[in-house]
Amino acid sequence: MLDACAELVDEVGYEGLTTTLLAERAEVAIGSVYQFFPDKRAIVQALTLRTMESYLQRLDARFASDDLTDWWDGVDAAIDEYITMHRTVPGFRTLHFGDVVDLHLLDEQRDNNGVIADQLARVLTERFGLTDGPRLRFILEIAVEAADALIKLAFRRQPEGDERVLDEAKALIREYLHRQVQASGRAVEAADAVGAGGTGESADGAAPAGPSAAPVAVDAG
């Protein structure tokens, strides 16, 4: 039934979707639909949760196989997978992660993109050893919102996504993340300088923290 739902929303949209159409496409009795789902919103919610699980599995596989140097490379990979799902997963370019139905379809307390940012923070923490915290989640939520809006624009402009818009989206997010990392790196250097009595060295006499320390510092919260 979920596969039938994905096909139908691409054909008729969420507003055009009905339980009767779903039953016909899935070749089941209408009573069988209501046995599992009280209405079409519940069906779409189940489909969206399945899609999110698939997205996270894709990220796990990508992180395991790719040579990703820094955590913002992981965000770049997440954007690539998001674009790929628009092109290959039935229903995704229509529903995304449920915004067309309800901004809180995935969670009653947080909007859908906030949930995705939380999940992305978890994956990045596991892959790069970052310390999770409010700052990291805030940065990722901004990145997710910006990327989502631009990717939607790209697929409104062209059925397979306007490559110019997609390239700009990735460049914008990468620049934003680099800027956040650099700002955090400066904060670390300032803290080290204070600890060393304003000498510009760390408390143990070492040189100030360089860019390699910044990814950890950015999520200090």
Protein backbone atom coordinates (compact mmCIF):
# COMPACT_ATOMS: atom_id res chain seq x y z
CA MET A 1 0.00 0.00 0.00
CA LEU A 2 2.86 2.40 0.71
CA ASP A 3 4.33 1.76 -2.74
CA ALA A 4 0.94 2.47 -4.28
CA CYS A 5 0.69 5.65 -2.22
CA ALA A 6 4.09 6.84 -3.49
CA GLU A 7 3.06 6.30 -7.10
CA LEU A 8 -0.26 8.07 -6.66
CA VAL A 9 1.05 11.21 -4.99
CA ASP A 10 3.40 11.73 -7.93
CA GLU A 11 0.44 11.35 -10.30
CA VAL A 12 -2.34 13.25 -8.51
CA GLY A 13 -0.65 15.06 -5.62
CA TYR A 14 -1.52 14.83 -1.95
CA GLU A 15 -4.81 16.68 -2.38
CA GLY A 16 -5.91 14.27 -5.12
CA LEU A 17 -5.00 11.19 -3.12
CA THR A 18 -7.93 9.23 -1.68
CA THR A 19 -8.21 5.95 0.18
CA THR A 20 -10.39 4.66 -2.65
CA LEU A 21 -7.70 5.38 -5.24
CA LEU A 22 -5.13 3.78 -2.98
CA ALA A 23 -7.19 0.62 -2.57
CA GLU A 24 -7.66 0.36 -6.33
CA ARG A 25 -3.96 0.89 -7.08
CA ALA A 26 -2.84 -1.54 -4.37
CA GLU A 27 -5.53 -4.03 -5.48
CA VAL A 28 -6.91 -4.46 -1.99
CA ALA A 29 -10.34 -3.98 -0.46
CA ILE A 30 -11.03 -0.54 1.00
CA GLY A 31 -11.58 -2.26 4.35
CA SER A 32 -8.00 -3.52 4.24
CA VAL A 33 -6.76 0.08 3.94
CA TYR A 34 -8.76 1.18 6.98
CA GLN A 35 -7.56 -1.84 8.90
CA PHE A 36 -4.08 -0.29 8.92
CA PHE A 37 -4.68 3.43 8.33
CA PRO A 38 -7.52 5.64 9.58
CA ASP A 39 -7.09 8.20 6.78
CA LYS A 40 -4.79 9.31 3.97
CA ARG A 41 -2.71 11.45 6.33
CA ALA A 42 -1.75 8.35 8.31
CA ILE A 43 -0.80 6.58 5.10
CA VAL A 44 1.43 9.43 3.98
CA GLN A 45 2.97 9.67 7.45
CA ALA A 46 3.92 5.98 7.30
CA LEU A 47 5.38 6.48 3.82
CA THR A 48 7.36 9.51 4.99
CA LEU A 49 8.79 7.64 7.99
CA ARG A 50 9.84 4.83 5.66
CA THR A 51 11.46 7.37 3.35
CA MET A 52 13.38 8.98 6.20
CA GLU A 53 14.66 5.57 7.28
CA SER A 54 15.78 4.92 3.71
CA TYR A 55 17.52 8.30 3.61
CA LEU A 56 19.45 7.57 6.81
CA GLN A 57 20.45 4.15 5.48
CA ARG A 58 21.74 5.82 2.31
CA LEU A 59 23.81 8.19 4.44
CA ASP A 60 25.24 5.34 6.49
CA ALA A 61 26.26 3.55 3.29
CA ARG A 62 27.74 6.73 1.81
CA PHE A 63 29.72 7.52 4.93
CA ALA A 64 31.04 3.98 5.11
CA SER A 65 32.27 3.94 1.50
CA ASP A 66 33.35 7.51 0.75
CA ASP A 67 36.57 9.18 1.78
CA LEU A 68 35.03 12.12 3.64
CA THR A 69 37.69 14.31 5.21
CA ASP A 70 35.63 16.68 7.34
CA TRP A 71 32.14 16.78 8.79
CA TRP A 72 30.97 19.40 6.30
CA ASP A 73 31.88 16.89 3.57
CA GLY A 74 29.30 14.68 5.27
CA VAL A 75 26.70 17.44 4.93
CA ASP A 76 27.64 17.73 1.25
CA ALA A 77 27.06 13.98 0.87
CA ALA A 78 23.71 14.35 2.64
CA ILE A 79 22.67 16.98 0.10
CA ASP A 80 23.73 14.70 -2.78
CA GLU A 81 21.61 11.86 -1.40
CA TYR A 82 18.66 14.21 -0.93
CA ILE A 83 18.92 15.23 -4.60
CA THR A 84 19.24 11.60 -5.71
CA MET A 85 16.09 10.68 -3.82
CA HIS A 86 14.19 13.46 -5.60
CA ARG A 87 15.18 11.84 -8.88
CA THR A 88 14.76 8.17 -8.05
CA VAL A 89 12.34 7.58 -5.15
CA PRO A 90 8.63 7.58 -6.08
CA GLY A 91 6.64 10.15 -4.14
CA PHE A 92 9.64 11.96 -2.70
CA ARG A 93 9.69 15.01 -4.94
CA THR A 94 6.03 15.55 -4.06
CA LEU A 95 6.06 14.79 -0.34
CA HIS A 96 9.70 15.42 0.60
CA PHE A 97 9.68 14.69 4.33
CA GLY A 98 6.00 15.48 4.75
CA ASP A 99 5.90 19.29 4.52
CA VAL A 100 3.10 19.20 1.95
CA VAL A 101 0.92 17.46 4.53
CA ASP A 102 2.01 18.91 7.86
CA LEU A 103 5.16 20.70 9.02
CA HIS A 104 5.03 18.45 12.10
CA LEU A 105 4.30 15.19 10.31
CA LEU A 106 7.42 13.45 11.64
CA ASP A 107 7.23 14.80 15.19
CA GLU A 108 4.55 16.72 17.08
CA GLN A 109 7.13 18.93 18.82
CA ARG A 110 9.57 19.75 16.03
CA ASP A 111 9.07 20.66 12.39
CA ASN A 112 10.10 18.14 9.77
CA ASN A 113 13.39 19.78 8.79
CA GLY A 114 14.31 20.06 12.47
CA VAL A 115 13.87 16.30 12.78
CA ILE A 116 16.09 15.76 9.74
CA ALA A 117 18.74 18.08 11.22
CA ASP A 118 18.65 16.08 14.46
CA GLN A 119 19.10 12.82 12.58
CA LEU A 120 21.91 14.31 10.51
CA ALA A 121 23.63 15.47 13.70
CA ARG A 122 23.43 11.91 15.04
CA VAL A 123 24.95 10.43 11.88
CA LEU A 124 27.71 13.04 11.74
CA THR A 125 28.49 12.56 15.42
CA GLU A 126 28.88 8.83 14.93
CA ARG A 127 30.98 9.23 11.77
CA PHE A 128 33.28 12.10 12.80
CA GLY A 129 33.31 11.84 16.59
CA LEU A 130 31.77 15.28 17.14
CA THR A 131 30.25 16.19 20.47
CA ASP A 132 26.56 16.72 19.87
CA GLY A 133 25.07 19.92 21.22
CA PRO A 134 22.68 22.82 20.58
CA ARG A 135 25.16 24.75 18.43
CA LEU A 136 25.74 21.87 16.01
CA ARG A 137 22.03 21.22 15.71
CA PHE A 138 21.30 24.90 15.11
CA ILE A 139 23.91 25.10 12.33
CA LEU A 140 22.60 21.94 10.69
CA GLU A 141 19.00 23.12 10.90
CA ILE A 142 19.93 26.33 9.07
CA ALA A 143 21.81 24.28 6.45
CA VAL A 144 18.91 21.85 6.00
CA GLU A 145 16.36 24.66 5.62
CA ALA A 146 18.48 26.50 3.05
CA ALA A 147 19.31 23.37 1.06
CA ASP A 148 15.69 22.18 1.12
CA ALA A 149 14.37 25.49 -0.24
CA LEU A 150 16.93 25.65 -3.06
CA ILE A 151 16.53 22.00 -4.04
CA LYS A 152 12.75 22.46 -4.24
CA LEU A 153 13.38 25.47 -6.49
CA ALA A 154 15.65 23.39 -8.73
CA PHE A 155 12.99 20.72 -9.20
CA ARG A 156 10.29 23.30 -9.86
CA ARG A 157 12.43 24.74 -12.64
CA GLN A 158 13.26 21.40 -14.27
CA PRO A 159 11.83 17.88 -13.78
CA GLU A 160 15.27 16.41 -13.06
CA GLY A 161 16.49 19.43 -11.14
CA ASP A 162 18.17 22.54 -12.54
CA GLU A 163 21.88 21.76 -12.20
CA ARG A 164 22.80 25.44 -11.91
CA VAL A 165 20.55 25.86 -8.90
CA LEU A 166 21.75 22.59 -7.34
CA ASP A 167 25.39 23.63 -7.77
CA GLU A 168 24.67 26.99 -6.16
CA ALA A 169 22.85 25.28 -3.30
CA LYS A 170 25.83 23.07 -2.50
CA ALA A 171 28.27 25.98 -2.81
CA LEU A 172 26.15 28.12 -0.50
CA ILE A 173 25.87 25.43 2.18
CA ARG A 174 29.58 24.61 2.03
CA GLU A 175 30.50 28.30 2.37
CA TYR A 176 28.12 28.68 5.31
CA LEU A 177 29.59 25.66 7.11
CA HIS A 178 33.16 26.78 6.48
CA ARG A 179 32.32 30.19 7.90
CA GLN A 180 30.88 28.61 11.03
CA VAL A 181 33.96 26.43 11.46
CA GLN A 182 36.30 29.39 11.03
CA ALA A 183 34.34 31.44 13.56
CA SER A 184 34.58 28.60 16.05
CA GLY A 185 38.29 28.25 15.35
CA ARG A 186 38.81 31.91 16.25
CA ALA A 187 36.83 31.38 19.45
CA VAL A 188 39.09 28.47 20.37
CA GLU A 189 42.22 30.54 19.69
CA ALA A 190 40.90 33.39 21.84
CA ALA A 191 40.12 31.02 24.69
CA ASP A 192 43.60 29.49 24.42
CA ALA A 193 45.17 32.94 24.44
CA VAL A 194 43.31 33.87 27.62
CA GLY A 195 44.36 30.62 29.22
CA ALA A 196 47.98 31.35 28.33
CA GLY A 197 47.86 34.87 29.78
CA GLY A 198 47.25 36.59 26.44
CA THR A 199 50.41 35.26 24.80
CA GLY A 200 48.63 33.74 21.84
CA GLU A 201 49.77 30.30 22.88
CA SER A 202 47.77 27.56 24.50
CA ALA A 203 48.13 26.96 28.21
CA ASP A 204 50.72 24.26 27.62
CA GLY A 205 52.81 26.48 25.32
CA ALA A 206 51.57 24.93 22.10
CA ALA A 207 50.49 26.93 19.07
CA PRO A 208 46.87 28.06 18.87
CA ALA A 209 44.28 25.55 17.70
CA GLY A 210 44.24 25.40 13.91
CA PRO A 211 41.47 24.54 11.46
CA SER A 212 41.66 20.85 12.38
CA ALA A 213 40.33 21.68 15.82
CA ALA A 214 37.46 23.78 14.55
CA PRO A 215 35.01 21.00 13.59
CA VAL A 216 34.92 19.81 17.19
CA ALA A 217 34.65 23.34 18.58
CA VAL A 218 31.71 24.31 16.39
CA ASP A 219 29.26 22.20 18.31
CA ALA A 220 30.40 23.04 21.79
CA GLY A 221 26.94 24.51 22.39
